[in-house]
Amino acid sequence: MNTEPTTAGFEITREEMIRFLNEDLAGEYQAIIAYIVYSQVLKGAEYTDIAGELEQHAGEELQHAIKIAKQIDYLGGMPEVTPKPVITSEDAITMLKADLENERNTVARYRLRIRQAEAMGEYALSETLRGIIVQEQDHEIDLAAALGIDVPLPEDSLHGRRNGLDRLHKVQP
């Protein structure tokens, strides 16, 4: 039985990859802003440790954004400049839950993006994304710990789907 992940059904064009990576880049900008803001507005002794972690996360997200922008440029695109909206709240739990959900979505998108990159033969891109996922999953662990919960499992696995594009991206013909 072959246990290697397949890239069949994950084929996209270079232009689609640029568009998807720009969506990912907007998400990285969102994460940078959210982590900067959240790290400064979380108050109370129970949030001291996580506030410091969030500052570190902001720097890591900046490095992710630079890596994604570099890949967009390599593919011949222009990197996005507008972040996705950032959720703010007076309630620390609401902000931490929003961050955790954003990280979960980011990991799911990058898992899909890796398969798309490999289907295109863009192995350097897939390796870059693998490195980013390692840190994104660490962010999930930190956020779940701050919330006192286990890291939630993915809502659905891409393994059972044809290519996951129906959920994460609507590919235009």
N, C-alpha and C. Protein backbone atom coordinates (compact mmCIF):
# COMPACT_ATOMS: atom_id res chain seq x y z
N MET A 1 0.84 -1.18 0.00
CA MET A 1 0.00 0.00 0.00
C MET A 1 0.89 1.25 0.00
N ASN A 2 0.62 2.17 -0.89
CA ASN A 2 1.40 3.39 -1.00
C ASN A 2 0.94 4.39 0.06
N THR A 3 1.85 4.82 0.93
CA THR A 3 1.50 5.80 1.96
C THR A 3 2.00 7.19 1.61
N GLU A 4 2.63 7.34 0.47
CA GLU A 4 3.09 8.65 0.02
C GLU A 4 1.89 9.53 -0.32
N PRO A 5 1.91 10.79 0.11
CA PRO A 5 0.81 11.68 -0.28
C PRO A 5 0.82 11.89 -1.79
N THR A 6 -0.33 11.94 -2.36
CA THR A 6 -0.44 12.12 -3.80
C THR A 6 -0.72 13.59 -4.12
N THR A 7 -0.30 14.00 -5.27
CA THR A 7 -0.60 15.36 -5.71
C THR A 7 -1.64 15.35 -6.83
N ALA A 8 -2.13 14.16 -7.18
CA ALA A 8 -3.16 14.07 -8.22
C ALA A 8 -4.38 14.88 -7.78
N GLY A 9 -4.88 15.71 -8.67
CA GLY A 9 -6.04 16.53 -8.38
C GLY A 9 -5.70 17.86 -7.73
N PHE A 10 -4.44 18.13 -7.51
CA PHE A 10 -4.02 19.37 -6.87
C PHE A 10 -3.39 20.35 -7.85
N GLU A 11 -3.45 20.04 -9.14
CA GLU A 11 -2.82 20.87 -10.14
C GLU A 11 -3.51 22.23 -10.23
N ILE A 12 -2.70 23.27 -10.20
CA ILE A 12 -3.19 24.63 -10.40
C ILE A 12 -2.19 25.35 -11.28
N THR A 13 -2.59 26.50 -11.78
CA THR A 13 -1.70 27.29 -12.62
C THR A 13 -0.79 28.17 -11.75
N ARG A 14 0.23 28.69 -12.36
CA ARG A 14 1.14 29.61 -11.67
C ARG A 14 0.35 30.84 -11.19
N GLU A 15 -0.56 31.33 -12.02
CA GLU A 15 -1.35 32.51 -11.64
C GLU A 15 -2.23 32.21 -10.44
N GLU A 16 -2.81 31.02 -10.39
CA GLU A 16 -3.64 30.64 -9.24
C GLU A 16 -2.77 30.54 -7.98
N MET A 17 -1.58 29.98 -8.12
CA MET A 17 -0.69 29.88 -6.97
C MET A 17 -0.32 31.26 -6.46
N ILE A 18 -0.04 32.18 -7.35
CA ILE A 18 0.27 33.56 -6.93
C ILE A 18 -0.92 34.15 -6.18
N ARG A 19 -2.11 33.96 -6.70
CA ARG A 19 -3.32 34.48 -6.03
C ARG A 19 -3.48 33.86 -4.65
N PHE A 20 -3.32 32.54 -4.55
CA PHE A 20 -3.47 31.86 -3.27
C PHE A 20 -2.38 32.28 -2.28
N LEU A 21 -1.16 32.41 -2.75
CA LEU A 21 -0.08 32.85 -1.87
C LEU A 21 -0.31 34.29 -1.40
N ASN A 22 -0.90 35.12 -2.26
CA ASN A 22 -1.22 36.48 -1.82
C ASN A 22 -2.29 36.47 -0.74
N GLU A 23 -3.26 35.56 -0.83
CA GLU A 23 -4.25 35.41 0.24
C GLU A 23 -3.54 34.98 1.53
N ASP A 24 -2.60 34.05 1.40
CA ASP A 24 -1.83 33.60 2.55
C ASP A 24 -1.01 34.74 3.14
N LEU A 25 -0.42 35.56 2.27
CA LEU A 25 0.38 36.70 2.72
C LEU A 25 -0.49 37.69 3.49
N ALA A 26 -1.70 37.94 3.02
CA ALA A 26 -2.62 38.83 3.74
C ALA A 26 -2.93 38.25 5.12
N GLY A 27 -3.00 36.93 5.23
CA GLY A 27 -3.20 36.29 6.52
C GLY A 27 -1.99 36.43 7.44
N GLU A 28 -0.80 36.39 6.86
CA GLU A 28 0.42 36.60 7.66
C GLU A 28 0.46 38.03 8.20
N TYR A 29 0.09 39.00 7.35
CA TYR A 29 0.03 40.39 7.82
C TYR A 29 -0.97 40.52 8.98
N GLN A 30 -2.12 39.87 8.82
CA GLN A 30 -3.14 39.87 9.86
C GLN A 30 -2.55 39.34 11.17
N ALA A 31 -1.82 38.23 11.07
CA ALA A 31 -1.24 37.61 12.27
C ALA A 31 -0.22 38.54 12.93
N ILE A 32 0.59 39.22 12.13
CA ILE A 32 1.58 40.15 12.68
C ILE A 32 0.87 41.22 13.49
N ILE A 33 -0.13 41.83 12.88
CA ILE A 33 -0.86 42.91 13.56
C ILE A 33 -1.55 42.39 14.81
N ALA A 34 -2.23 41.26 14.69
CA ALA A 34 -2.96 40.71 15.84
C ALA A 34 -1.99 40.41 16.99
N TYR A 35 -0.88 39.77 16.68
CA TYR A 35 0.06 39.42 17.75
C TYR A 35 0.66 40.65 18.40
N ILE A 36 0.96 41.67 17.63
CA ILE A 36 1.49 42.91 18.21
C ILE A 36 0.45 43.53 19.15
N VAL A 37 -0.77 43.67 18.66
CA VAL A 37 -1.82 44.30 19.47
C VAL A 37 -2.14 43.45 20.70
N TYR A 38 -2.38 42.16 20.50
CA TYR A 38 -2.77 41.29 21.61
C TYR A 38 -1.68 41.25 22.67
N SER A 39 -0.42 41.21 22.25
CA SER A 39 0.66 41.13 23.23
C SER A 39 0.71 42.35 24.13
N GLN A 40 0.18 43.46 23.65
CA GLN A 40 0.23 44.69 24.43
C GLN A 40 -1.04 44.93 25.25
N VAL A 41 -2.16 44.39 24.82
CA VAL A 41 -3.41 44.70 25.52
C VAL A 41 -3.87 43.61 26.48
N LEU A 42 -3.26 42.43 26.43
CA LEU A 42 -3.62 41.39 27.39
C LEU A 42 -3.14 41.84 28.76
N LYS A 43 -4.03 41.87 29.72
CA LYS A 43 -3.71 42.36 31.06
C LYS A 43 -3.95 41.27 32.09
N GLY A 44 -3.18 41.33 33.13
CA GLY A 44 -3.35 40.42 34.24
C GLY A 44 -2.23 39.41 34.32
N ALA A 45 -2.00 38.93 35.55
CA ALA A 45 -0.90 37.99 35.79
C ALA A 45 -1.05 36.72 34.98
N GLU A 46 -2.27 36.28 34.74
CA GLU A 46 -2.48 35.03 34.00
C GLU A 46 -2.07 35.14 32.53
N TYR A 47 -1.88 36.36 32.04
CA TYR A 47 -1.52 36.56 30.63
C TYR A 47 -0.08 37.03 30.43
N THR A 48 0.68 37.15 31.48
CA THR A 48 2.05 37.65 31.38
C THR A 48 2.89 36.77 30.45
N ASP A 49 2.85 35.46 30.67
CA ASP A 49 3.66 34.56 29.84
C ASP A 49 3.21 34.57 28.38
N ILE A 50 1.91 34.50 28.15
CA ILE A 50 1.42 34.43 26.76
C ILE A 50 1.67 35.75 26.04
N ALA A 51 1.63 36.88 26.74
CA ALA A 51 1.91 38.16 26.09
C ALA A 51 3.32 38.16 25.52
N GLY A 52 4.28 37.65 26.26
CA GLY A 52 5.65 37.55 25.76
C GLY A 52 5.75 36.60 24.58
N GLU A 53 5.01 35.49 24.64
CA GLU A 53 4.98 34.54 23.51
C GLU A 53 4.41 35.21 22.27
N LEU A 54 3.37 36.00 22.45
CA LEU A 54 2.74 36.65 21.30
C LEU A 54 3.68 37.64 20.63
N GLU A 55 4.50 38.32 21.42
CA GLU A 55 5.51 39.20 20.82
C GLU A 55 6.46 38.40 19.94
N GLN A 56 6.88 37.26 20.44
CA GLN A 56 7.77 36.39 19.66
C GLN A 56 7.06 35.89 18.41
N HIS A 57 5.78 35.53 18.54
CA HIS A 57 5.01 35.08 17.38
C HIS A 57 4.96 36.15 16.30
N ALA A 58 4.83 37.41 16.71
CA ALA A 58 4.76 38.50 15.73
C ALA A 58 6.02 38.51 14.85
N GLY A 59 7.17 38.35 15.48
CA GLY A 59 8.42 38.30 14.72
C GLY A 59 8.49 37.11 13.78
N GLU A 60 8.01 35.96 14.25
CA GLU A 60 8.00 34.77 13.41
C GLU A 60 7.05 34.94 12.23
N GLU A 61 5.89 35.56 12.47
CA GLU A 61 4.95 35.80 11.38
C GLU A 61 5.53 36.76 10.36
N LEU A 62 6.31 37.74 10.81
CA LEU A 62 6.98 38.64 9.87
C LEU A 62 7.92 37.85 8.98
N GLN A 63 8.67 36.92 9.54
CA GLN A 63 9.56 36.09 8.74
C GLN A 63 8.76 35.23 7.74
N HIS A 64 7.60 34.74 8.16
CA HIS A 64 6.75 33.99 7.24
C HIS A 64 6.32 34.87 6.08
N ALA A 65 5.90 36.10 6.40
CA ALA A 65 5.46 37.03 5.36
C ALA A 65 6.57 37.29 4.36
N ILE A 66 7.78 37.47 4.84
CA ILE A 66 8.91 37.72 3.95
C ILE A 66 9.14 36.51 3.04
N LYS A 67 9.07 35.32 3.60
CA LYS A 67 9.27 34.10 2.80
C LYS A 67 8.18 33.94 1.75
N ILE A 68 6.94 34.21 2.12
CA ILE A 68 5.83 34.08 1.16
C ILE A 68 5.97 35.14 0.07
N ALA A 69 6.30 36.38 0.45
CA ALA A 69 6.48 37.44 -0.54
C ALA A 69 7.60 37.09 -1.52
N LYS A 70 8.65 36.50 -1.01
CA LYS A 70 9.78 36.09 -1.86
C LYS A 70 9.32 35.05 -2.87
N GLN A 71 8.50 34.10 -2.46
CA GLN A 71 8.00 33.07 -3.36
C GLN A 71 7.05 33.66 -4.41
N ILE A 72 6.22 34.61 -4.00
CA ILE A 72 5.32 35.28 -4.94
C ILE A 72 6.14 35.99 -6.02
N ASP A 73 7.17 36.71 -5.58
CA ASP A 73 8.05 37.39 -6.53
C ASP A 73 8.72 36.39 -7.46
N TYR A 74 9.22 35.30 -6.92
CA TYR A 74 9.87 34.26 -7.73
C TYR A 74 8.93 33.73 -8.81
N LEU A 75 7.64 33.59 -8.44
CA LEU A 75 6.66 33.08 -9.40
C LEU A 75 6.21 34.14 -10.41
N GLY A 76 6.68 35.37 -10.24
CA GLY A 76 6.35 36.43 -11.19
C GLY A 76 5.20 37.31 -10.76
N GLY A 77 4.79 37.22 -9.50
CA GLY A 77 3.68 38.03 -9.01
C GLY A 77 4.14 39.20 -8.18
N MET A 78 3.17 40.02 -7.81
CA MET A 78 3.42 41.17 -6.94
C MET A 78 2.82 40.85 -5.58
N PRO A 79 3.62 40.90 -4.52
CA PRO A 79 3.09 40.59 -3.19
C PRO A 79 1.98 41.55 -2.75
N GLU A 80 0.98 40.99 -2.12
CA GLU A 80 -0.17 41.70 -1.54
C GLU A 80 0.33 42.69 -0.49
N VAL A 81 -0.42 43.77 -0.29
CA VAL A 81 -0.03 44.75 0.73
C VAL A 81 -1.11 44.98 1.78
N THR A 82 -2.25 44.33 1.66
CA THR A 82 -3.37 44.57 2.56
C THR A 82 -3.61 43.36 3.45
N PRO A 83 -3.66 43.57 4.77
CA PRO A 83 -3.92 42.44 5.67
C PRO A 83 -5.39 42.04 5.67
N LYS A 84 -5.66 40.81 6.06
CA LYS A 84 -7.02 40.40 6.36
C LYS A 84 -7.44 41.13 7.62
N PRO A 85 -8.73 41.28 7.87
CA PRO A 85 -9.18 41.99 9.07
C PRO A 85 -8.71 41.31 10.36
N VAL A 86 -8.41 42.13 11.35
CA VAL A 86 -7.96 41.65 12.65
C VAL A 86 -9.11 41.80 13.65
N ILE A 87 -9.39 40.72 14.37
CA ILE A 87 -10.43 40.76 15.40
C ILE A 87 -9.81 41.33 16.67
N THR A 88 -10.46 42.35 17.22
CA THR A 88 -10.04 42.87 18.52
C THR A 88 -11.23 42.78 19.46
N SER A 89 -10.93 42.78 20.75
CA SER A 89 -11.96 42.65 21.76
C SER A 89 -11.42 43.13 23.08
N GLU A 90 -12.30 43.50 23.98
CA GLU A 90 -11.91 43.81 25.35
C GLU A 90 -11.65 42.52 26.12
N ASP A 91 -12.10 41.40 25.57
CA ASP A 91 -12.00 40.11 26.23
C ASP A 91 -10.79 39.34 25.70
N ALA A 92 -9.86 39.02 26.60
CA ALA A 92 -8.64 38.31 26.20
C ALA A 92 -8.94 36.95 25.61
N ILE A 93 -9.89 36.23 26.16
CA ILE A 93 -10.22 34.89 25.67
C ILE A 93 -10.71 34.97 24.22
N THR A 94 -11.52 35.95 23.91
CA THR A 94 -12.01 36.13 22.54
C THR A 94 -10.85 36.33 21.57
N MET A 95 -9.88 37.15 21.96
CA MET A 95 -8.74 37.40 21.08
C MET A 95 -7.87 36.14 20.92
N LEU A 96 -7.63 35.43 22.01
CA LEU A 96 -6.81 34.22 21.93
C LEU A 96 -7.51 33.14 21.09
N LYS A 97 -8.82 33.02 21.24
CA LYS A 97 -9.57 32.06 20.42
C LYS A 97 -9.52 32.45 18.95
N ALA A 98 -9.62 33.74 18.65
CA ALA A 98 -9.53 34.20 17.26
C ALA A 98 -8.16 33.86 16.68
N ASP A 99 -7.11 34.07 17.47
CA ASP A 99 -5.76 33.72 17.03
C ASP A 99 -5.63 32.22 16.78
N LEU A 100 -6.15 31.42 17.69
CA LEU A 100 -6.07 29.97 17.53
C LEU A 100 -6.79 29.53 16.26
N GLU A 101 -7.95 30.07 16.01
CA GLU A 101 -8.69 29.71 14.79
C GLU A 101 -7.93 30.15 13.55
N ASN A 102 -7.32 31.33 13.57
CA ASN A 102 -6.51 31.78 12.43
C ASN A 102 -5.33 30.85 12.19
N GLU A 103 -4.68 30.41 13.26
CA GLU A 103 -3.55 29.48 13.10
C GLU A 103 -4.02 28.15 12.52
N ARG A 104 -5.15 27.66 12.98
CA ARG A 104 -5.69 26.40 12.46
C ARG A 104 -5.97 26.52 10.97
N ASN A 105 -6.57 27.62 10.57
CA ASN A 105 -6.87 27.84 9.15
C ASN A 105 -5.58 27.97 8.34
N THR A 106 -4.59 28.64 8.91
CA THR A 106 -3.32 28.81 8.22
C THR A 106 -2.64 27.46 7.98
N VAL A 107 -2.61 26.62 8.98
CA VAL A 107 -1.99 25.30 8.83
C VAL A 107 -2.72 24.51 7.75
N ALA A 108 -4.05 24.54 7.75
CA ALA A 108 -4.83 23.81 6.73
C ALA A 108 -4.52 24.34 5.34
N ARG A 109 -4.45 25.68 5.20
CA ARG A 109 -4.14 26.27 3.89
C ARG A 109 -2.75 25.87 3.42
N TYR A 110 -1.77 25.91 4.31
CA TYR A 110 -0.41 25.58 3.92
C TYR A 110 -0.25 24.10 3.60
N ARG A 111 -0.99 23.25 4.28
CA ARG A 111 -0.95 21.82 3.92
C ARG A 111 -1.43 21.64 2.49
N LEU A 112 -2.51 22.32 2.15
CA LEU A 112 -3.02 22.27 0.78
C LEU A 112 -2.02 22.89 -0.19
N ARG A 113 -1.47 24.03 0.19
CA ARG A 113 -0.53 24.73 -0.68
C ARG A 113 0.70 23.86 -0.99
N ILE A 114 1.14 23.07 -0.01
CA ILE A 114 2.29 22.17 -0.23
C ILE A 114 1.97 21.19 -1.34
N ARG A 115 0.81 20.61 -1.29
CA ARG A 115 0.43 19.65 -2.33
C ARG A 115 0.30 20.33 -3.68
N GLN A 116 -0.24 21.53 -3.70
CA GLN A 116 -0.35 22.26 -4.96
C GLN A 116 1.03 22.58 -5.51
N ALA A 117 1.94 23.02 -4.63
CA ALA A 117 3.30 23.35 -5.07
C ALA A 117 4.00 22.12 -5.63
N GLU A 118 3.85 21.00 -4.97
CA GLU A 118 4.49 19.77 -5.46
C GLU A 118 3.89 19.33 -6.78
N ALA A 119 2.58 19.51 -6.96
CA ALA A 119 1.95 19.16 -8.23
C ALA A 119 2.49 20.03 -9.36
N MET A 120 2.89 21.26 -9.02
CA MET A 120 3.48 22.17 -10.00
C MET A 120 4.97 21.91 -10.20
N GLY A 121 5.56 21.09 -9.35
CA GLY A 121 7.01 20.87 -9.41
C GLY A 121 7.78 21.96 -8.69
N GLU A 122 7.12 22.75 -7.87
CA GLU A 122 7.75 23.84 -7.11
C GLU A 122 8.14 23.32 -5.73
N TYR A 123 9.19 22.50 -5.69
CA TYR A 123 9.58 21.83 -4.45
C TYR A 123 10.19 22.79 -3.43
N ALA A 124 10.88 23.81 -3.87
CA ALA A 124 11.43 24.79 -2.93
C ALA A 124 10.30 25.50 -2.19
N LEU A 125 9.21 25.82 -2.90
CA LEU A 125 8.05 26.43 -2.26
C LEU A 125 7.46 25.48 -1.23
N SER A 126 7.32 24.21 -1.58
CA SER A 126 6.73 23.26 -0.63
C SER A 126 7.62 23.12 0.61
N GLU A 127 8.92 23.15 0.45
CA GLU A 127 9.83 23.06 1.60
C GLU A 127 9.75 24.31 2.46
N THR A 128 9.64 25.47 1.82
CA THR A 128 9.48 26.72 2.56
C THR A 128 8.22 26.66 3.41
N LEU A 129 7.13 26.18 2.82
CA LEU A 129 5.86 26.09 3.55
C LEU A 129 5.92 25.07 4.68
N ARG A 130 6.65 23.99 4.49
CA ARG A 130 6.82 23.01 5.57
C ARG A 130 7.49 23.65 6.79
N GLY A 131 8.49 24.46 6.54
CA GLY A 131 9.16 25.16 7.64
C GLY A 131 8.23 26.11 8.36
N ILE A 132 7.39 26.79 7.60
CA ILE A 132 6.43 27.72 8.20
C ILE A 132 5.42 26.96 9.06
N ILE A 133 4.96 25.82 8.56
CA ILE A 133 3.96 25.04 9.31
C ILE A 133 4.49 24.63 10.68
N VAL A 134 5.75 24.31 10.78
CA VAL A 134 6.32 23.92 12.07
C VAL A 134 6.08 25.03 13.09
N GLN A 135 6.35 26.28 12.71
CA GLN A 135 6.15 27.39 13.64
C GLN A 135 4.66 27.66 13.86
N GLU A 136 3.86 27.54 12.82
CA GLU A 136 2.42 27.77 12.98
C GLU A 136 1.81 26.77 13.96
N GLN A 137 2.26 25.52 13.88
CA GLN A 137 1.75 24.52 14.83
C GLN A 137 2.24 24.82 16.25
N ASP A 138 3.45 25.33 16.39
CA ASP A 138 3.91 25.76 17.72
C ASP A 138 3.04 26.89 18.25
N HIS A 139 2.61 27.79 17.37
CA HIS A 139 1.71 28.87 17.78
C HIS A 139 0.39 28.29 18.27
N GLU A 140 -0.12 27.29 17.54
CA GLU A 140 -1.36 26.63 17.98
C GLU A 140 -1.20 26.06 19.39
N ILE A 141 -0.09 25.39 19.63
CA ILE A 141 0.17 24.78 20.94
C ILE A 141 0.21 25.85 22.03
N ASP A 142 0.92 26.95 21.77
CA ASP A 142 1.01 28.03 22.75
C ASP A 142 -0.36 28.64 23.04
N LEU A 143 -1.13 28.88 22.00
CA LEU A 143 -2.45 29.49 22.19
C LEU A 143 -3.40 28.55 22.92
N ALA A 144 -3.38 27.27 22.55
CA ALA A 144 -4.25 26.30 23.22
C ALA A 144 -3.86 26.19 24.70
N ALA A 145 -2.56 26.20 24.98
CA ALA A 145 -2.10 26.14 26.38
C ALA A 145 -2.59 27.37 27.16
N ALA A 146 -2.51 28.54 26.54
CA ALA A 146 -2.98 29.77 27.20
C ALA A 146 -4.48 29.71 27.48
N LEU A 147 -5.20 29.02 26.61
CA LEU A 147 -6.65 28.88 26.79
C LEU A 147 -7.00 27.70 27.69
N GLY A 148 -5.99 26.89 28.03
CA GLY A 148 -6.23 25.74 28.88
C GLY A 148 -6.98 24.61 28.19
N ILE A 149 -6.74 24.48 26.88
CA ILE A 149 -7.41 23.43 26.10
C ILE A 149 -6.37 22.66 25.29
N ASP A 150 -6.79 21.51 24.77
CA ASP A 150 -5.94 20.78 23.84
C ASP A 150 -6.04 21.46 22.48
N VAL A 151 -5.01 21.30 21.67
CA VAL A 151 -5.06 21.84 20.31
C VAL A 151 -6.21 21.12 19.59
N PRO A 152 -7.18 21.87 19.08
CA PRO A 152 -8.30 21.23 18.38
C PRO A 152 -7.82 20.49 17.14
N LEU A 153 -8.42 19.34 16.89
CA LEU A 153 -8.12 18.59 15.67
C LEU A 153 -8.69 19.34 14.48
N PRO A 154 -8.12 19.13 13.31
CA PRO A 154 -8.70 19.76 12.11
C PRO A 154 -10.15 19.32 11.95
N GLU A 155 -10.98 20.23 11.46
CA GLU A 155 -12.40 19.91 11.28
C GLU A 155 -12.61 18.78 10.30
N ASP A 156 -11.80 18.76 9.26
CA ASP A 156 -11.86 17.66 8.31
C ASP A 156 -10.48 17.49 7.71
N SER A 157 -10.19 16.30 7.32
CA SER A 157 -8.88 16.00 6.76
C SER A 157 -8.92 16.16 5.26
N LEU A 158 -7.85 16.72 4.72
CA LEU A 158 -7.77 16.86 3.27
C LEU A 158 -7.55 15.51 2.61
N HIS A 159 -7.12 14.50 3.40
CA HIS A 159 -6.85 13.18 2.82
C HIS A 159 -8.10 12.57 2.20
N GLY A 160 -9.27 12.83 2.78
CA GLY A 160 -10.49 12.23 2.27
C GLY A 160 -11.16 13.04 1.18
N ARG A 161 -10.59 14.17 0.84
CA ARG A 161 -11.19 15.05 -0.16
C ARG A 161 -10.41 14.92 -1.47
N ARG A 162 -11.08 15.21 -2.56
CA ARG A 162 -10.40 15.14 -3.85
C ARG A 162 -9.17 16.04 -3.85
N ASN A 163 -9.36 17.29 -3.44
CA ASN A 163 -8.20 18.17 -3.41
C ASN A 163 -8.34 19.30 -2.40
N GLY A 164 -9.42 19.37 -1.67
CA GLY A 164 -9.57 20.40 -0.66
C GLY A 164 -9.85 21.78 -1.21
N LEU A 165 -9.80 21.94 -2.51
CA LEU A 165 -9.99 23.27 -3.10
C LEU A 165 -11.42 23.76 -2.92
N ASP A 166 -12.39 22.85 -2.86
CA ASP A 166 -13.77 23.27 -2.73
C ASP A 166 -13.99 24.00 -1.41
N ARG A 167 -13.25 23.65 -0.37
CA ARG A 167 -13.42 24.27 0.92
C ARG A 167 -12.55 25.50 1.08
N LEU A 168 -11.31 25.43 0.63
CA LEU A 168 -10.37 26.50 0.88
C LEU A 168 -10.28 27.54 -0.24
N HIS A 169 -10.52 27.10 -1.46
CA HIS A 169 -10.39 28.01 -2.57
C HIS A 169 -11.35 27.60 -3.69
N LYS A 170 -11.98 28.56 -4.24
CA LYS A 170 -12.78 28.31 -5.43
C LYS A 170 -11.89 28.64 -6.64
N VAL A 171 -11.47 27.60 -7.33
CA VAL A 171 -10.60 27.80 -8.49
C VAL A 171 -11.44 28.27 -9.65
N GLN A 172 -11.05 29.39 -10.21
CA GLN A 172 -11.76 29.96 -11.35
C GLN A 172 -11.27 29.29 -12.63
N PRO A 173 -12.18 28.92 -13.54
CA PRO A 173 -11.72 28.30 -14.80
C PRO A 173 -10.94 29.28 -15.66
